[in-house]
């Protein structure tokens, strides 16, 4: 499946290559929502996950796997795992239609290389959520 995720991530990696003055860490997590249950797409355990509200941050998905990305091939590997784990079914116009909502969360942390290891170092954190709604793909 080629979607916005596969187009956006190379742009993000390109930005990082241009900003060598910062140290970056990428974290990748993926979940699906199917029949009102949340499931970790990076885990073989099908146990539904609990959602917790944190008033100071955001909604937290308890026990959601988060992988630190090593390189582009690792991204592709994780996307393939997600695709294989996702619930799909046949519809009248598409034989492989997604039956679940998928959320891929990319968390990016960066710190100036000049301040690494110092007490006064500050880390910037951003998160991007790529959402694929059930049945939103085009018919083949």
C-alpha atoms as a PDB file:
ATOM      1  CA  UNK A   1       0.000   0.000   0.000  1.00  0.00           C
ATOM      2  CA  UNK A   2       1.352   3.395  -0.993  1.00  0.00           C
ATOM      3  CA  UNK A   3      -0.203   6.232   0.929  1.00  0.00           C
ATOM      4  CA  UNK A   4       0.544   9.567   2.513  1.00  0.00           C
ATOM      5  CA  UNK A   5       2.790   7.904   5.125  1.00  0.00           C
ATOM      6  CA  UNK A   6       5.198   6.569   2.508  1.00  0.00           C
ATOM      7  CA  UNK A   7       5.328  10.018   0.858  1.00  0.00           C
ATOM      8  CA  UNK A   8       5.671  12.093   4.043  1.00  0.00           C
ATOM      9  CA  UNK A   9       8.393  10.091   5.788  1.00  0.00           C
ATOM     10  CA  UNK A  10      11.060  10.639   3.098  1.00  0.00           C
ATOM     11  CA  UNK A  11      10.423  14.389   3.388  1.00  0.00           C
ATOM     12  CA  UNK A  12      10.952  14.200   7.150  1.00  0.00           C
ATOM     13  CA  UNK A  13      14.164  12.200   6.677  1.00  0.00           C
ATOM     14  CA  UNK A  14      15.303  14.745   4.073  1.00  0.00           C
ATOM     15  CA  UNK A  15      14.797  17.571   6.557  1.00  0.00           C
ATOM     16  CA  UNK A  16      16.951  15.761   9.087  1.00  0.00           C
ATOM     17  CA  UNK A  17      19.760  15.253   6.583  1.00  0.00           C
ATOM     18  CA  UNK A  18      19.835  19.027   6.065  1.00  0.00           C
ATOM     19  CA  UNK A  19      19.996  19.770   9.816  1.00  0.00           C
ATOM     20  CA  UNK A  20      23.108  18.007  11.025  1.00  0.00           C
ATOM     21  CA  UNK A  21      23.422  20.474  13.939  1.00  0.00           C
ATOM     22  CA  UNK A  22      20.675  18.531  15.750  1.00  0.00           C
ATOM     23  CA  UNK A  23      20.485  14.958  16.996  1.00  0.00           C
ATOM     24  CA  UNK A  24      17.185  13.239  16.088  1.00  0.00           C
ATOM     25  CA  UNK A  25      15.394  10.184  17.469  1.00  0.00           C
ATOM     26  CA  UNK A  26      12.355   8.693  15.719  1.00  0.00           C
ATOM     27  CA  UNK A  27       9.825   6.531  17.543  1.00  0.00           C
ATOM     28  CA  UNK A  28       7.199   4.531  15.655  1.00  0.00           C
ATOM     29  CA  UNK A  29       3.986   3.003  16.991  1.00  0.00           C
ATOM     30  CA  UNK A  30       0.902   1.662  15.242  1.00  0.00           C
ATOM     31  CA  UNK A  31      -2.582   0.686  16.334  1.00  0.00           C
ATOM     32  CA  UNK A  32      -5.880  -0.256  14.800  1.00  0.00           C
ATOM     33  CA  UNK A  33      -9.400   0.393  15.974  1.00  0.00           C
ATOM     34  CA  UNK A  34     -11.724  -2.449  15.019  1.00  0.00           C
ATOM     35  CA  UNK A  35     -15.210  -2.993  16.480  1.00  0.00           C
ATOM     36  CA  UNK A  36     -14.444  -0.295  19.077  1.00  0.00           C
ATOM     37  CA  UNK A  37     -11.362  -2.170  20.343  1.00  0.00           C
ATOM     38  CA  UNK A  38      -7.803  -0.818  20.122  1.00  0.00           C
ATOM     39  CA  UNK A  39      -5.073  -3.286  19.126  1.00  0.00           C
ATOM     40  CA  UNK A  40      -1.288  -2.937  18.786  1.00  0.00           C
ATOM     41  CA  UNK A  41      -0.280  -3.635  15.170  1.00  0.00           C
ATOM     42  CA  UNK A  42       3.359  -4.252  16.126  1.00  0.00           C
ATOM     43  CA  UNK A  43       2.479  -7.035  18.562  1.00  0.00           C
ATOM     44  CA  UNK A  44       1.272 -10.578  17.930  1.00  0.00           C
ATOM     45  CA  UNK A  45      -0.805 -10.315  21.112  1.00  0.00           C
ATOM     46  CA  UNK A  46      -4.413  -9.557  20.129  1.00  0.00           C
ATOM     47  CA  UNK A  47      -5.415  -8.390  23.612  1.00  0.00           C
ATOM     48  CA  UNK A  48      -7.309  -5.070  23.379  1.00  0.00           C
ATOM     49  CA  UNK A  49      -5.411  -2.103  24.774  1.00  0.00           C
ATOM     50  CA  UNK A  50      -6.786   0.389  27.290  1.00  0.00           C
ATOM     51  CA  UNK A  51      -6.974   4.106  26.642  1.00  0.00           C
ATOM     52  CA  UNK A  52      -5.945   6.377  29.515  1.00  0.00           C
ATOM     53  CA  UNK A  53      -6.547  10.110  29.723  1.00  0.00           C
ATOM     54  CA  UNK A  54      -3.597  12.169  30.900  1.00  0.00           C
ATOM     55  CA  UNK A  55      -4.775  15.712  31.645  1.00  0.00           C
ATOM     56  CA  UNK A  56      -1.273  17.154  31.122  1.00  0.00           C
ATOM     57  CA  UNK A  57      -0.429  15.367  27.869  1.00  0.00           C
ATOM     58  CA  UNK A  58      -2.846  13.471  25.643  1.00  0.00           C
ATOM     59  CA  UNK A  59      -4.693  10.196  25.496  1.00  0.00           C
ATOM     60  CA  UNK A  60      -2.273   7.349  26.213  1.00  0.00           C
ATOM     61  CA  UNK A  61      -2.643   3.859  24.806  1.00  0.00           C
ATOM     62  CA  UNK A  62      -1.503   1.537  27.576  1.00  0.00           C
ATOM     63  CA  UNK A  63       1.169  -1.040  26.593  1.00  0.00           C
ATOM     64  CA  UNK A  64       1.421   0.180  22.989  1.00  0.00           C
ATOM     65  CA  UNK A  65       4.697  -0.939  21.397  1.00  0.00           C
ATOM     66  CA  UNK A  66       7.008   1.908  20.424  1.00  0.00           C
ATOM     67  CA  UNK A  67      10.019   1.137  18.212  1.00  0.00           C
ATOM     68  CA  UNK A  68      13.014   3.431  17.790  1.00  0.00           C
ATOM     69  CA  UNK A  69      13.633   3.671  14.054  1.00  0.00           C
ATOM     70  CA  UNK A  70      17.084   2.764  12.795  1.00  0.00           C
ATOM     71  CA  UNK A  71      16.816   3.598   9.087  1.00  0.00           C
ATOM     72  CA  UNK A  72      14.471   3.666   6.104  1.00  0.00           C
ATOM     73  CA  UNK A  73      14.428  -0.130   5.688  1.00  0.00           C
ATOM     74  CA  UNK A  74      13.272  -0.430   9.308  1.00  0.00           C
ATOM     75  CA  UNK A  75      10.358   1.930   8.507  1.00  0.00           C
ATOM     76  CA  UNK A  76       9.343  -0.201   5.515  1.00  0.00           C
ATOM     77  CA  UNK A  77       9.611  -3.375   7.621  1.00  0.00           C
ATOM     78  CA  UNK A  78       7.321  -1.939  10.322  1.00  0.00           C
ATOM     79  CA  UNK A  79       4.804  -0.693   7.746  1.00  0.00           C
ATOM     80  CA  UNK A  80       4.683  -4.214   6.246  1.00  0.00           C
ATOM     81  CA  UNK A  81       4.045  -5.707   9.698  1.00  0.00           C
ATOM     82  CA  UNK A  82       1.191  -3.246  10.222  1.00  0.00           C
ATOM     83  CA  UNK A  83      -0.314  -4.073   6.855  1.00  0.00           C
ATOM     84  CA  UNK A  84      -0.141  -7.816   7.554  1.00  0.00           C
ATOM     85  CA  UNK A  85      -1.749  -7.459  10.995  1.00  0.00           C
ATOM     86  CA  UNK A  86      -4.591  -5.198   9.904  1.00  0.00           C
ATOM     87  CA  UNK A  87      -8.159  -6.476   9.588  1.00  0.00           C
ATOM     88  CA  UNK A  88      -9.277  -6.649   5.948  1.00  0.00           C
ATOM     89  CA  UNK A  89     -12.317  -8.050   4.164  1.00  0.00           C
ATOM     90  CA  UNK A  90     -14.059  -8.136   0.830  1.00  0.00           C
ATOM     91  CA  UNK A  91     -16.588  -5.546  -0.302  1.00  0.00           C
ATOM     92  CA  UNK A  92     -18.668  -5.317  -3.468  1.00  0.00           C
ATOM     93  CA  UNK A  93     -16.095  -2.982  -5.085  1.00  0.00           C
ATOM     94  CA  UNK A  94     -12.805  -4.075  -3.499  1.00  0.00           C
ATOM     95  CA  UNK A  95     -11.691  -7.562  -2.459  1.00  0.00           C
ATOM     96  CA  UNK A  96      -9.090  -6.327   0.064  1.00  0.00           C
ATOM     97  CA  UNK A  97     -10.812  -3.451   1.865  1.00  0.00           C
ATOM     98  CA  UNK A  98      -9.585  -2.392   5.307  1.00  0.00           C
ATOM     99  CA  UNK A  99     -12.143  -3.074   8.033  1.00  0.00           C
ATOM    100  CA  UNK A 100     -10.348  -1.119  10.740  1.00  0.00           C
ATOM    101  CA  UNK A 101      -9.030   2.375  11.341  1.00  0.00           C
ATOM    102  CA  UNK A 102      -5.232   2.491  11.501  1.00  0.00           C
ATOM    103  CA  UNK A 103      -3.178   5.108  13.335  1.00  0.00           C
ATOM    104  CA  UNK A 104       0.577   5.269  12.826  1.00  0.00           C
ATOM    105  CA  UNK A 105       2.246   7.614  15.264  1.00  0.00           C
ATOM    106  CA  UNK A 106       5.699   9.010  14.562  1.00  0.00           C
ATOM    107  CA  UNK A 107       7.303  10.802  17.501  1.00  0.00           C
ATOM    108  CA  UNK A 108      10.332  12.925  16.678  1.00  0.00           C
ATOM    109  CA  UNK A 109      12.717  14.132  19.366  1.00  0.00           C
ATOM    110  CA  UNK A 110      15.600  16.483  18.651  1.00  0.00           C
ATOM    111  CA  UNK A 111      18.336  18.151  20.640  1.00  0.00           C
ATOM    112  CA  UNK A 112      21.090  20.524  19.594  1.00  0.00           C
ATOM    113  CA  UNK A 113      24.363  18.592  19.232  1.00  0.00           C
ATOM    114  CA  UNK A 114      26.133  21.454  21.060  1.00  0.00           C
ATOM    115  CA  UNK A 115      24.161  20.732  24.242  1.00  0.00           C
ATOM    116  CA  UNK A 116      24.033  16.897  24.230  1.00  0.00           C
ATOM    117  CA  UNK A 117      24.784  15.519  27.683  1.00  0.00           C
ATOM    118  CA  UNK A 118      24.575  18.894  29.406  1.00  0.00           C
ATOM    119  CA  UNK A 119      22.124  19.722  32.170  1.00  0.00           C
ATOM    120  CA  UNK A 120      20.810  22.739  30.270  1.00  0.00           C
ATOM    121  CA  UNK A 121      20.032  20.774  27.089  1.00  0.00           C
ATOM    122  CA  UNK A 122      16.456  21.003  25.924  1.00  0.00           C
ATOM    123  CA  UNK A 123      14.748  18.415  23.791  1.00  0.00           C
ATOM    124  CA  UNK A 124      12.078  19.331  21.274  1.00  0.00           C
ATOM    125  CA  UNK A 125       9.380  16.715  20.746  1.00  0.00           C
ATOM    126  CA  UNK A 126       6.750  16.520  18.025  1.00  0.00           C
ATOM    127  CA  UNK A 127       4.289  13.801  17.081  1.00  0.00           C
ATOM    128  CA  UNK A 128       2.605  13.148  13.756  1.00  0.00           C
ATOM    129  CA  UNK A 129      -0.378  10.805  13.497  1.00  0.00           C
ATOM    130  CA  UNK A 130      -1.096   9.203  10.129  1.00  0.00           C
ATOM    131  CA  UNK A 131      -4.712   8.004  10.126  1.00  0.00           C
ATOM    132  CA  UNK A 132      -6.164   5.572   7.575  1.00  0.00           C
ATOM    133  CA  UNK A 133      -9.911   5.192   7.970  1.00  0.00           C
ATOM    134  CA  UNK A 134     -11.655   1.865   7.382  1.00  0.00           C
ATOM    135  CA  UNK A 135     -12.591   1.339   3.747  1.00  0.00           C
ATOM    136  CA  UNK A 136     -11.014   4.628   2.631  1.00  0.00           C
ATOM    137  CA  UNK A 137      -8.806   3.072  -0.066  1.00  0.00           C
ATOM    138  CA  UNK A 138      -9.696   3.229  -3.731  1.00  0.00           C
ATOM    139  CA  UNK A 139     -11.053   0.233  -5.590  1.00  0.00           C
ATOM    140  CA  UNK A 140      -8.390  -1.564  -7.619  1.00  0.00           C
END
